[in-house]
C-alpha cells in the first residue's frame, strides 16, 4: 500500500507544471501560447529570461528529487527510488492536470540523474552546455542527454538491469517527445538559442 501511494504521489507531483503555475502567479502568458508551445523550462526561459527559467528548472527538477529521496529514506533501495523518479517523469510529460499534454521532461530527468549521481549530473549538464555552445540548439543538447544518460549513469553508479531498462525507457520517451524538434532539425528550420544562457530578466 505504501509503495503504491508513493508512486501515485510521485506521478501527481510530476503532473504539476510549474511553468504554467508560476506564469499564472506572476501574471505572465501561458507558455502553451508562445514559442514552441511547450510548457517546459526552456520555452519559458526564452520568453521571460534566465531568472524565471532557472526558477522553473529548479521546481521541475524537485518534482522528481523529493519523491526519490522519500523513497530512499523509506526503503533504501535504488531501483525503487528510480522507479519513483520515473513516475514523476511520466507525470511531467503526460500530466493528468493538463489533459496529458506536458513538457519534454528534461528538467525532471535531470533531477533523477542528480539524485542518482551528482557526478553524472554535472557531467551531463556540461555536455548539454558544450553542445549548446557549438550547435546553438537546445533541443539537440537535450536529446543528447537522453541518449547518453544510461551509459553515463552506468559508468558512475552500479545499476541493476531493471534500473538500466527504466533509464532506457525514459530516454526513449524523451526522444519521442522531441519528434517535432527532430523533424525541424532535419528540415534545418529548428529555432536556435538566440543568446546562450539568455541572461536577461525581461
N, C-alpha and C. Protein backbone atom coordinates (compact mmCIF):
# COMPACT_ATOMS: atom_id res chain seq x y z
N UNK A 1 0.82 -1.21 0.00
CA UNK A 1 0.00 0.00 0.00
C UNK A 1 0.86 1.26 0.00
N UNK A 2 1.89 1.29 0.84
CA UNK A 2 2.77 2.45 0.91
C UNK A 2 3.51 2.65 -0.41
N UNK A 3 3.92 1.55 -1.04
CA UNK A 3 4.60 1.63 -2.33
C UNK A 3 3.70 2.26 -3.37
N UNK A 4 2.47 1.77 -3.47
CA UNK A 4 1.52 2.31 -4.45
C UNK A 4 1.22 3.78 -4.17
N UNK A 5 1.06 4.13 -2.91
CA UNK A 5 0.78 5.52 -2.53
C UNK A 5 1.92 6.44 -2.95
N UNK A 6 3.15 5.99 -2.73
CA UNK A 6 4.30 6.82 -3.09
C UNK A 6 4.41 7.00 -4.60
N UNK A 7 4.10 5.95 -5.36
CA UNK A 7 4.13 6.05 -6.83
C UNK A 7 3.06 7.02 -7.33
N UNK A 8 1.88 6.95 -6.74
CA UNK A 8 0.80 7.86 -7.14
C UNK A 8 1.15 9.30 -6.79
N UNK A 9 1.68 9.52 -5.59
CA UNK A 9 2.08 10.87 -5.18
C UNK A 9 3.17 11.41 -6.10
N UNK A 10 4.12 10.55 -6.48
CA UNK A 10 5.19 10.96 -7.38
C UNK A 10 4.63 11.37 -8.73
N UNK A 11 3.70 10.58 -9.25
CA UNK A 11 3.08 10.93 -10.54
C UNK A 11 2.33 12.25 -10.45
N UNK A 12 1.57 12.44 -9.39
CA UNK A 12 0.82 13.69 -9.22
C UNK A 12 1.76 14.87 -9.05
N UNK A 13 2.86 14.65 -8.33
CA UNK A 13 3.88 15.70 -8.19
C UNK A 13 4.43 16.08 -9.56
N UNK A 14 4.73 15.08 -10.36
CA UNK A 14 5.25 15.34 -11.70
C UNK A 14 4.24 16.05 -12.59
N UNK A 15 2.96 15.84 -12.31
CA UNK A 15 1.91 16.44 -13.14
C UNK A 15 1.72 17.93 -12.90
N UNK A 16 2.33 18.45 -11.84
CA UNK A 16 2.26 19.90 -11.60
C UNK A 16 3.21 20.59 -12.57
N UNK A 17 2.68 21.40 -13.45
CA UNK A 17 3.51 22.09 -14.45
C UNK A 17 3.86 23.48 -13.91
N UNK A 18 5.10 23.62 -13.47
CA UNK A 18 5.48 24.86 -12.81
C UNK A 18 5.64 26.03 -13.77
N UNK A 19 5.92 25.77 -15.03
CA UNK A 19 5.98 26.90 -15.97
C UNK A 19 4.60 27.52 -16.13
N UNK A 20 3.56 26.68 -16.13
CA UNK A 20 2.19 27.20 -16.21
C UNK A 20 1.77 27.83 -14.89
N UNK A 21 2.04 27.13 -13.79
CA UNK A 21 1.63 27.62 -12.46
C UNK A 21 2.31 28.94 -12.12
N UNK A 22 3.64 29.01 -12.30
CA UNK A 22 4.37 30.23 -11.95
C UNK A 22 4.02 31.38 -12.90
N UNK A 23 3.77 31.04 -14.17
CA UNK A 23 3.35 32.09 -15.11
C UNK A 23 2.04 32.70 -14.66
N UNK A 24 1.13 31.87 -14.19
CA UNK A 24 -0.15 32.37 -13.70
C UNK A 24 0.04 33.24 -12.46
N UNK A 25 0.91 32.80 -11.56
CA UNK A 25 1.15 33.56 -10.32
C UNK A 25 1.73 34.93 -10.61
N UNK A 26 2.69 34.98 -11.56
CA UNK A 26 3.37 36.25 -11.84
C UNK A 26 2.71 37.06 -12.95
N UNK A 27 1.58 36.58 -13.45
CA UNK A 27 0.86 37.33 -14.47
C UNK A 27 1.48 37.25 -15.85
N UNK A 28 2.24 36.20 -16.12
CA UNK A 28 2.85 36.00 -17.42
C UNK A 28 1.90 35.21 -18.33
N UNK A 29 2.20 35.23 -19.62
CA UNK A 29 1.42 34.45 -20.58
C UNK A 29 1.60 32.96 -20.33
N UNK A 30 0.57 32.21 -20.63
CA UNK A 30 0.65 30.75 -20.55
C UNK A 30 1.70 30.26 -21.54
N UNK A 31 2.69 29.45 -21.11
CA UNK A 31 3.75 29.01 -22.02
C UNK A 31 3.25 28.18 -23.20
N UNK A 32 2.01 27.71 -23.12
CA UNK A 32 1.44 26.94 -24.22
C UNK A 32 0.92 27.83 -25.34
N UNK A 33 1.07 29.16 -25.15
CA UNK A 33 0.57 30.11 -26.16
C UNK A 33 1.67 30.83 -26.92
N UNK A 34 2.93 30.54 -26.63
CA UNK A 34 4.01 31.24 -27.33
C UNK A 34 5.18 30.30 -27.61
N UNK A 35 6.07 30.77 -28.48
CA UNK A 35 7.27 29.99 -28.81
C UNK A 35 6.95 28.61 -29.35
N UNK A 36 7.56 27.62 -28.73
CA UNK A 36 7.35 26.24 -29.15
C UNK A 36 6.04 25.66 -28.63
N UNK A 37 5.31 26.43 -27.82
CA UNK A 37 4.07 25.98 -27.17
C UNK A 37 4.32 24.87 -26.15
N UNK A 38 5.58 24.64 -25.80
CA UNK A 38 5.94 23.60 -24.87
C UNK A 38 5.93 24.14 -23.44
N UNK A 39 5.16 23.51 -22.53
CA UNK A 39 5.12 24.00 -21.15
C UNK A 39 6.30 23.50 -20.33
N UNK A 40 7.49 23.83 -20.80
CA UNK A 40 8.70 23.37 -20.14
C UNK A 40 9.63 24.51 -19.82
N UNK A 41 10.80 24.16 -19.32
CA UNK A 41 11.74 25.15 -18.81
C UNK A 41 12.23 26.10 -19.90
N UNK A 42 12.71 25.55 -21.01
CA UNK A 42 13.44 26.42 -21.94
C UNK A 42 12.53 27.35 -22.72
N UNK A 43 11.30 26.94 -22.99
CA UNK A 43 10.38 27.85 -23.66
C UNK A 43 10.09 29.05 -22.78
N UNK A 44 9.90 28.80 -21.48
CA UNK A 44 9.69 29.91 -20.53
C UNK A 44 10.94 30.77 -20.42
N UNK A 45 12.12 30.11 -20.46
CA UNK A 45 13.40 30.82 -20.38
C UNK A 45 13.55 31.77 -21.57
N UNK A 46 13.22 31.29 -22.75
CA UNK A 46 13.32 32.13 -23.96
C UNK A 46 12.45 33.38 -23.84
N UNK A 47 11.26 33.19 -23.30
CA UNK A 47 10.28 34.28 -23.27
C UNK A 47 10.58 35.28 -22.16
N UNK A 48 10.91 34.79 -20.95
CA UNK A 48 10.98 35.67 -19.79
C UNK A 48 12.36 35.74 -19.14
N UNK A 49 13.36 35.14 -19.76
CA UNK A 49 14.72 35.32 -19.29
C UNK A 49 15.18 34.28 -18.28
N UNK A 50 16.43 34.44 -17.87
CA UNK A 50 17.12 33.40 -17.10
C UNK A 50 16.58 33.22 -15.69
N UNK A 51 16.21 34.31 -15.02
CA UNK A 51 15.75 34.18 -13.63
C UNK A 51 14.49 33.33 -13.57
N UNK A 52 13.54 33.64 -14.43
CA UNK A 52 12.30 32.86 -14.47
C UNK A 52 12.59 31.43 -14.94
N UNK A 53 13.44 31.30 -15.95
CA UNK A 53 13.76 29.97 -16.48
C UNK A 53 14.43 29.08 -15.44
N UNK A 54 15.38 29.64 -14.69
CA UNK A 54 16.07 28.86 -13.65
C UNK A 54 15.09 28.48 -12.54
N UNK A 55 14.16 29.38 -12.22
CA UNK A 55 13.16 29.07 -11.19
C UNK A 55 12.31 27.88 -11.62
N UNK A 56 11.87 27.88 -12.88
CA UNK A 56 11.08 26.76 -13.40
C UNK A 56 11.92 25.49 -13.40
N UNK A 57 13.18 25.62 -13.81
CA UNK A 57 14.09 24.46 -13.85
C UNK A 57 14.23 23.82 -12.48
N UNK A 58 14.41 24.63 -11.46
CA UNK A 58 14.58 24.11 -10.10
C UNK A 58 13.32 23.39 -9.63
N UNK A 59 12.17 24.02 -9.82
CA UNK A 59 10.92 23.40 -9.35
C UNK A 59 10.60 22.12 -10.14
N UNK A 60 10.85 22.14 -11.46
CA UNK A 60 10.59 20.94 -12.25
C UNK A 60 11.55 19.82 -11.89
N UNK A 61 12.75 20.16 -11.48
CA UNK A 61 13.71 19.14 -11.04
C UNK A 61 13.30 18.55 -9.69
N UNK A 62 12.83 19.41 -8.79
CA UNK A 62 12.44 18.95 -7.46
C UNK A 62 11.26 17.98 -7.50
N UNK A 63 10.48 18.03 -8.59
CA UNK A 63 9.34 17.12 -8.71
C UNK A 63 9.78 15.66 -8.67
N UNK A 64 10.98 15.38 -9.14
CA UNK A 64 11.50 14.02 -9.08
C UNK A 64 12.42 13.83 -7.88
N UNK A 65 13.18 14.85 -7.54
CA UNK A 65 14.16 14.73 -6.45
C UNK A 65 13.48 14.40 -5.12
N UNK A 66 12.47 15.15 -4.74
CA UNK A 66 11.85 14.98 -3.42
C UNK A 66 11.19 13.61 -3.25
N UNK A 67 10.37 13.14 -4.19
CA UNK A 67 9.80 11.79 -4.03
C UNK A 67 10.87 10.70 -4.00
N UNK A 68 11.95 10.89 -4.78
CA UNK A 68 13.02 9.89 -4.79
C UNK A 68 13.73 9.83 -3.45
N UNK A 69 13.95 10.98 -2.83
CA UNK A 69 14.61 11.00 -1.52
C UNK A 69 13.72 10.37 -0.45
N UNK A 70 12.42 10.60 -0.56
CA UNK A 70 11.49 9.95 0.38
C UNK A 70 11.54 8.44 0.19
N UNK A 71 11.56 7.99 -1.08
CA UNK A 71 11.62 6.56 -1.36
C UNK A 71 12.90 5.95 -0.81
N UNK A 72 14.01 6.67 -0.96
CA UNK A 72 15.29 6.16 -0.45
C UNK A 72 15.27 6.07 1.07
N UNK A 73 14.69 7.08 1.71
CA UNK A 73 14.63 7.08 3.17
C UNK A 73 13.75 5.95 3.70
N UNK A 74 12.67 5.67 3.01
CA UNK A 74 11.72 4.66 3.48
C UNK A 74 12.15 3.23 3.16
N UNK A 75 12.76 3.05 1.97
CA UNK A 75 13.04 1.69 1.50
C UNK A 75 14.53 1.40 1.28
N UNK A 76 15.33 2.47 1.18
CA UNK A 76 16.78 2.32 0.98
C UNK A 76 17.10 1.34 -0.16
N UNK A 77 16.41 1.54 -1.28
CA UNK A 77 16.58 0.66 -2.43
C UNK A 77 16.60 1.51 -3.69
N UNK A 78 17.73 1.52 -4.40
CA UNK A 78 17.92 2.46 -5.50
C UNK A 78 17.03 2.18 -6.69
N UNK A 79 16.76 0.91 -6.96
CA UNK A 79 15.91 0.60 -8.11
C UNK A 79 14.50 1.15 -7.89
N UNK A 80 13.98 0.97 -6.67
CA UNK A 80 12.66 1.52 -6.37
C UNK A 80 12.70 3.05 -6.38
N UNK A 81 13.78 3.63 -5.89
CA UNK A 81 13.93 5.09 -5.92
C UNK A 81 13.85 5.59 -7.36
N UNK A 82 14.52 4.89 -8.27
CA UNK A 82 14.48 5.28 -9.68
C UNK A 82 13.07 5.11 -10.25
N UNK A 83 12.38 4.05 -9.85
CA UNK A 83 11.01 3.85 -10.31
C UNK A 83 10.11 5.00 -9.88
N UNK A 84 10.31 5.47 -8.65
CA UNK A 84 9.55 6.62 -8.16
C UNK A 84 9.86 7.85 -9.01
N UNK A 85 11.14 8.06 -9.34
CA UNK A 85 11.52 9.16 -10.22
C UNK A 85 10.90 9.03 -11.59
N UNK A 86 10.82 7.80 -12.08
CA UNK A 86 10.20 7.53 -13.39
C UNK A 86 8.73 7.97 -13.39
N UNK A 87 8.01 7.71 -12.30
CA UNK A 87 6.61 8.11 -12.22
C UNK A 87 6.49 9.64 -12.22
N UNK A 88 7.43 10.33 -11.58
CA UNK A 88 7.42 11.79 -11.62
C UNK A 88 7.68 12.29 -13.05
N UNK A 89 8.60 11.63 -13.73
CA UNK A 89 8.90 11.97 -15.13
C UNK A 89 7.66 11.77 -16.00
N UNK A 90 6.98 10.63 -15.84
CA UNK A 90 5.77 10.37 -16.61
C UNK A 90 4.71 11.43 -16.31
N UNK A 91 4.62 11.83 -15.05
CA UNK A 91 3.69 12.89 -14.69
C UNK A 91 3.99 14.19 -15.41
N UNK A 92 5.28 14.49 -15.57
CA UNK A 92 5.66 15.73 -16.25
C UNK A 92 5.31 15.69 -17.74
N UNK A 93 5.62 14.59 -18.40
CA UNK A 93 5.39 14.54 -19.86
C UNK A 93 3.94 14.20 -20.20
N UNK A 94 3.25 13.52 -19.29
CA UNK A 94 1.83 13.19 -19.51
C UNK A 94 1.03 13.55 -18.24
N UNK A 95 0.87 14.85 -17.98
CA UNK A 95 0.25 15.28 -16.72
C UNK A 95 -1.27 15.12 -16.70
N UNK A 96 -1.76 14.54 -15.64
CA UNK A 96 -3.21 14.35 -15.52
C UNK A 96 -3.94 15.68 -15.40
N UNK A 97 -3.28 16.71 -14.88
CA UNK A 97 -3.91 18.01 -14.68
C UNK A 97 -4.04 18.83 -15.96
N UNK A 98 -3.36 18.42 -17.03
CA UNK A 98 -3.34 19.21 -18.27
C UNK A 98 -3.63 18.34 -19.48
N UNK A 99 -4.65 17.48 -19.35
CA UNK A 99 -5.08 16.61 -20.45
C UNK A 99 -3.92 15.76 -21.01
N UNK A 100 -2.99 15.41 -20.15
CA UNK A 100 -1.86 14.54 -20.50
C UNK A 100 -0.95 15.16 -21.57
N UNK A 101 -0.96 16.49 -21.65
CA UNK A 101 -0.10 17.20 -22.60
C UNK A 101 0.92 18.02 -21.80
N UNK A 102 2.11 17.46 -21.64
CA UNK A 102 3.11 18.11 -20.80
C UNK A 102 4.36 18.50 -21.56
N UNK A 103 5.42 18.73 -20.79
CA UNK A 103 6.70 19.13 -21.37
C UNK A 103 7.49 17.94 -21.86
N UNK A 104 8.76 18.18 -22.12
CA UNK A 104 9.61 17.14 -22.69
C UNK A 104 10.47 16.43 -21.65
N UNK A 105 10.33 16.83 -20.40
CA UNK A 105 10.87 16.06 -19.30
C UNK A 105 12.32 16.26 -18.95
N UNK A 106 13.00 17.18 -19.62
CA UNK A 106 14.45 17.31 -19.41
C UNK A 106 14.78 17.73 -17.98
N UNK A 107 14.11 18.75 -17.47
CA UNK A 107 14.41 19.24 -16.11
C UNK A 107 14.10 18.17 -15.07
N UNK A 108 12.96 17.50 -15.22
CA UNK A 108 12.59 16.45 -14.27
C UNK A 108 13.57 15.28 -14.35
N UNK A 109 14.03 14.98 -15.55
CA UNK A 109 15.01 13.90 -15.72
C UNK A 109 16.36 14.29 -15.11
N UNK A 110 16.73 15.55 -15.24
CA UNK A 110 17.97 15.99 -14.60
C UNK A 110 17.89 15.82 -13.09
N UNK A 111 16.70 16.05 -12.52
CA UNK A 111 16.52 15.79 -11.10
C UNK A 111 16.76 14.34 -10.76
N UNK A 112 16.28 13.43 -11.60
CA UNK A 112 16.51 12.00 -11.41
C UNK A 112 17.99 11.68 -11.46
N UNK A 113 18.67 12.23 -12.47
CA UNK A 113 20.09 11.95 -12.65
C UNK A 113 20.91 12.45 -11.47
N UNK A 114 20.67 13.69 -11.05
CA UNK A 114 21.43 14.25 -9.94
C UNK A 114 21.18 13.49 -8.64
N UNK A 115 19.96 12.99 -8.46
CA UNK A 115 19.66 12.23 -7.25
C UNK A 115 20.40 10.90 -7.26
N UNK A 116 20.50 10.28 -8.42
CA UNK A 116 21.23 9.01 -8.52
C UNK A 116 22.73 9.21 -8.40
N UNK A 117 23.23 10.28 -9.05
CA UNK A 117 24.67 10.53 -9.04
C UNK A 117 24.95 11.99 -9.40
N UNK A 118 25.33 12.83 -8.42
CA UNK A 118 25.70 14.21 -8.75
C UNK A 118 26.82 14.29 -9.78
N UNK A 119 27.77 13.38 -9.73
CA UNK A 119 28.86 13.39 -10.71
C UNK A 119 28.33 13.20 -12.13
N UNK A 120 27.44 12.24 -12.30
CA UNK A 120 26.83 12.03 -13.61
C UNK A 120 26.01 13.24 -14.02
N UNK A 121 25.31 13.85 -13.05
CA UNK A 121 24.52 15.03 -13.34
C UNK A 121 25.35 16.18 -13.86
N UNK A 122 26.47 16.47 -13.19
CA UNK A 122 27.33 17.56 -13.64
C UNK A 122 27.98 17.25 -14.99
N UNK A 123 28.34 15.98 -15.20
CA UNK A 123 28.91 15.58 -16.49
C UNK A 123 27.92 15.83 -17.62
N UNK A 124 26.67 15.39 -17.43
CA UNK A 124 25.67 15.54 -18.48
C UNK A 124 25.26 17.00 -18.66
N UNK A 125 25.24 17.76 -17.57
CA UNK A 125 24.95 19.18 -17.69
C UNK A 125 26.05 19.89 -18.48
N UNK A 126 27.30 19.51 -18.24
CA UNK A 126 28.42 20.06 -19.01
C UNK A 126 28.29 19.68 -20.48
N UNK A 127 27.87 18.44 -20.75
CA UNK A 127 27.65 18.01 -22.13
C UNK A 127 26.59 18.86 -22.80
N UNK A 128 25.50 19.13 -22.07
CA UNK A 128 24.43 19.98 -22.61
C UNK A 128 24.99 21.36 -22.99
N UNK A 129 25.78 21.95 -22.09
CA UNK A 129 26.32 23.29 -22.33
C UNK A 129 27.27 23.31 -23.51
N UNK A 130 28.14 22.31 -23.60
CA UNK A 130 29.11 22.26 -24.70
C UNK A 130 28.39 22.16 -26.05
N UNK A 131 27.41 21.27 -26.12
CA UNK A 131 26.67 21.11 -27.37
C UNK A 131 25.85 22.35 -27.70
N UNK A 132 25.31 23.01 -26.66
CA UNK A 132 24.56 24.24 -26.88
C UNK A 132 25.47 25.34 -27.42
N UNK A 133 26.69 25.42 -26.91
CA UNK A 133 27.65 26.43 -27.38
C UNK A 133 28.03 26.16 -28.84
N UNK A 134 28.26 24.89 -29.16
CA UNK A 134 28.74 24.54 -30.50
C UNK A 134 27.63 24.65 -31.54
N UNK A 135 26.46 24.07 -31.24
CA UNK A 135 25.42 23.95 -32.27
C UNK A 135 24.27 24.94 -32.11
N UNK A 136 24.11 25.54 -30.91
CA UNK A 136 23.08 26.55 -30.65
C UNK A 136 21.65 25.99 -30.69
N UNK A 137 21.50 24.69 -30.49
CA UNK A 137 20.17 24.09 -30.45
C UNK A 137 19.93 23.48 -29.07
N UNK A 138 18.97 24.01 -28.33
CA UNK A 138 18.67 23.43 -27.02
C UNK A 138 18.07 22.03 -27.16
N UNK A 139 17.28 21.82 -28.21
CA UNK A 139 16.66 20.50 -28.42
C UNK A 139 17.70 19.43 -28.69
N UNK A 140 18.70 19.76 -29.49
CA UNK A 140 19.77 18.80 -29.79
C UNK A 140 20.55 18.45 -28.53
N UNK A 141 20.84 19.45 -27.71
CA UNK A 141 21.55 19.22 -26.45
C UNK A 141 20.73 18.33 -25.52
N UNK A 142 19.42 18.59 -25.47
CA UNK A 142 18.55 17.81 -24.60
C UNK A 142 18.45 16.36 -25.07
N UNK A 143 18.36 16.16 -26.37
CA UNK A 143 18.30 14.80 -26.89
C UNK A 143 19.59 14.04 -26.62
N UNK A 144 20.71 14.76 -26.65
CA UNK A 144 21.99 14.13 -26.34
C UNK A 144 22.01 13.64 -24.89
N UNK A 145 21.38 14.39 -23.99
CA UNK A 145 21.27 13.96 -22.59
C UNK A 145 20.52 12.63 -22.50
N UNK A 146 19.42 12.57 -23.23
CA UNK A 146 18.62 11.33 -23.21
C UNK A 146 19.41 10.14 -23.75
N UNK A 147 20.14 10.36 -24.82
CA UNK A 147 20.89 9.26 -25.43
C UNK A 147 22.05 8.83 -24.54
N UNK A 148 22.76 9.80 -23.98
CA UNK A 148 23.99 9.49 -23.25
C UNK A 148 23.74 9.04 -21.80
N UNK A 149 22.62 9.42 -21.22
CA UNK A 149 22.43 9.23 -19.78
C UNK A 149 22.51 7.78 -19.31
N UNK A 150 21.93 6.79 -19.99
CA UNK A 150 22.06 5.42 -19.48
C UNK A 150 23.52 4.96 -19.39
N UNK A 151 24.33 5.37 -20.38
CA UNK A 151 25.74 4.98 -20.39
C UNK A 151 26.51 5.73 -19.30
N UNK A 152 26.26 7.03 -19.18
CA UNK A 152 26.99 7.85 -18.20
C UNK A 152 26.63 7.41 -16.78
N UNK A 153 25.36 7.19 -16.52
CA UNK A 153 24.96 6.76 -15.18
C UNK A 153 25.51 5.38 -14.85
N UNK A 154 25.56 4.50 -15.84
CA UNK A 154 26.12 3.16 -15.62
C UNK A 154 27.61 3.23 -15.29
N UNK A 155 28.27 4.26 -15.79
CA UNK A 155 29.70 4.44 -15.51
C UNK A 155 29.91 4.93 -14.08
N UNK A 156 29.07 5.86 -13.63
CA UNK A 156 29.26 6.47 -12.31
C UNK A 156 28.62 5.68 -11.17
N UNK A 157 27.58 4.91 -11.48
CA UNK A 157 26.82 4.22 -10.43
C UNK A 157 26.60 2.77 -10.85
N UNK A 158 26.69 1.86 -9.88
CA UNK A 158 26.32 0.47 -10.17
C UNK A 158 24.80 0.38 -10.23
N UNK A 159 24.27 -0.02 -11.39
CA UNK A 159 22.83 -0.08 -11.59
C UNK A 159 22.40 -1.51 -11.88
N UNK A 160 21.24 -1.87 -11.36
CA UNK A 160 20.67 -3.17 -11.69
C UNK A 160 20.17 -3.15 -13.13
N UNK A 161 19.93 -4.34 -13.67
CA UNK A 161 19.39 -4.43 -15.03
C UNK A 161 18.05 -3.73 -15.12
N UNK A 162 17.23 -3.86 -14.10
CA UNK A 162 15.93 -3.18 -14.08
C UNK A 162 16.10 -1.67 -14.15
N UNK A 163 17.07 -1.14 -13.40
CA UNK A 163 17.33 0.30 -13.42
C UNK A 163 17.77 0.76 -14.80
N UNK A 164 18.63 -0.01 -15.45
CA UNK A 164 19.09 0.34 -16.79
C UNK A 164 17.92 0.36 -17.77
N UNK A 165 17.03 -0.62 -17.65
CA UNK A 165 15.87 -0.68 -18.53
C UNK A 165 14.94 0.51 -18.29
N UNK A 166 14.79 0.94 -17.04
CA UNK A 166 13.98 2.12 -16.74
C UNK A 166 14.60 3.36 -17.38
N UNK A 167 15.92 3.49 -17.28
CA UNK A 167 16.60 4.64 -17.89
C UNK A 167 16.45 4.64 -19.40
N UNK A 168 16.55 3.47 -20.01
CA UNK A 168 16.37 3.37 -21.46
C UNK A 168 14.95 3.76 -21.85
N UNK A 169 13.98 3.35 -21.04
CA UNK A 169 12.58 3.71 -21.31
C UNK A 169 12.39 5.22 -21.19
N UNK A 170 12.98 5.83 -20.16
CA UNK A 170 12.89 7.29 -20.01
C UNK A 170 13.50 7.97 -21.24
N UNK A 171 14.66 7.50 -21.68
CA UNK A 171 15.33 8.09 -22.83
C UNK A 171 14.48 7.97 -24.08
N UNK A 172 13.85 6.81 -24.27
CA UNK A 172 13.01 6.61 -25.44
C UNK A 172 11.82 7.56 -25.44
N UNK A 173 11.18 7.70 -24.27
CA UNK A 173 10.04 8.62 -24.16
C UNK A 173 10.50 10.05 -24.41
N UNK A 174 11.66 10.42 -23.84
CA UNK A 174 12.19 11.77 -24.05
C UNK A 174 12.45 12.07 -25.52
N UNK A 175 12.98 11.10 -26.25
CA UNK A 175 13.24 11.30 -27.68
C UNK A 175 11.93 11.38 -28.46
N UNK A 176 10.94 10.57 -28.08
CA UNK A 176 9.64 10.64 -28.74
C UNK A 176 9.02 12.02 -28.54
N UNK A 177 9.16 12.58 -27.34
CA UNK A 177 8.62 13.91 -27.07
C UNK A 177 9.33 14.99 -27.89
N UNK A 178 10.51 14.67 -28.40
CA UNK A 178 11.27 15.62 -29.23
C UNK A 178 11.08 15.36 -30.72
N UNK A 179 10.08 14.57 -31.10
CA UNK A 179 9.96 14.19 -32.51
C UNK A 179 9.75 15.40 -33.42
N UNK A 180 9.00 16.41 -32.96
CA UNK A 180 8.81 17.61 -33.78
C UNK A 180 10.13 18.35 -33.95
N UNK A 181 10.93 18.40 -32.89
CA UNK A 181 12.25 19.04 -32.99
C UNK A 181 13.14 18.29 -33.96
N UNK A 182 13.07 16.97 -33.95
CA UNK A 182 13.87 16.16 -34.87
C UNK A 182 13.51 16.50 -36.31
N UNK A 183 12.22 16.61 -36.59
CA UNK A 183 11.78 16.94 -37.95
C UNK A 183 12.26 18.34 -38.36
N UNK A 184 12.19 19.29 -37.41
CA UNK A 184 12.65 20.64 -37.74
C UNK A 184 14.17 20.67 -37.94
N UNK A 185 14.89 19.89 -37.17
CA UNK A 185 16.35 19.81 -37.36
C UNK A 185 16.68 19.25 -38.74
N UNK A 186 15.94 18.23 -39.15
CA UNK A 186 16.17 17.64 -40.47
C UNK A 186 15.82 18.61 -41.59
N UNK A 187 14.84 19.48 -41.33
CA UNK A 187 14.45 20.48 -42.34
C UNK A 187 15.26 21.76 -42.21
N UNK A 188 16.16 21.81 -41.24
CA UNK A 188 17.02 22.97 -41.00
C UNK A 188 16.23 24.23 -40.64
N UNK A 189 15.11 24.06 -39.94
CA UNK A 189 14.36 25.24 -39.51
C UNK A 189 14.04 25.21 -38.02
N UNK A 190 14.86 24.48 -37.27
CA UNK A 190 14.73 24.49 -35.80
C UNK A 190 15.24 25.81 -35.25
N UNK A 191 14.57 26.33 -34.22
CA UNK A 191 14.99 27.59 -33.62
C UNK A 191 16.30 27.41 -32.86
N UNK A 192 17.22 28.33 -33.10
CA UNK A 192 18.48 28.31 -32.37
C UNK A 192 18.36 29.11 -31.08
N UNK A 193 19.30 28.89 -30.18
CA UNK A 193 19.35 29.67 -28.95
C UNK A 193 19.81 31.07 -29.31
N UNK A 194 19.00 32.11 -29.09
CA UNK A 194 19.38 33.46 -29.51
C UNK A 194 20.57 34.02 -28.75
N UNK A 195 20.58 33.78 -27.44
CA UNK A 195 21.70 34.18 -26.60
C UNK A 195 21.92 33.02 -25.67
N UNK A 196 23.16 32.51 -25.58
CA UNK A 196 23.40 31.18 -24.99
C UNK A 196 22.63 30.92 -23.71
N UNK A 197 22.77 31.75 -22.72
CA UNK A 197 22.08 31.49 -21.45
C UNK A 197 20.97 32.49 -21.18
N UNK A 198 20.72 33.37 -22.13
CA UNK A 198 19.61 34.32 -22.00
C UNK A 198 19.62 35.04 -20.66
N UNK A 199 20.77 35.65 -20.34
CA UNK A 199 20.87 36.33 -19.04
C UNK A 199 20.16 37.67 -19.11
N UNK A 200 18.86 37.62 -19.12
CA UNK A 200 18.07 38.84 -19.09
C UNK A 200 16.82 38.58 -18.27
N UNK A 201 16.38 39.56 -17.55
CA UNK A 201 15.19 39.37 -16.71
C UNK A 201 13.91 39.59 -17.50
N UNK A 202 13.99 40.39 -18.56
CA UNK A 202 12.83 40.74 -19.36
C UNK A 202 11.70 41.21 -18.46
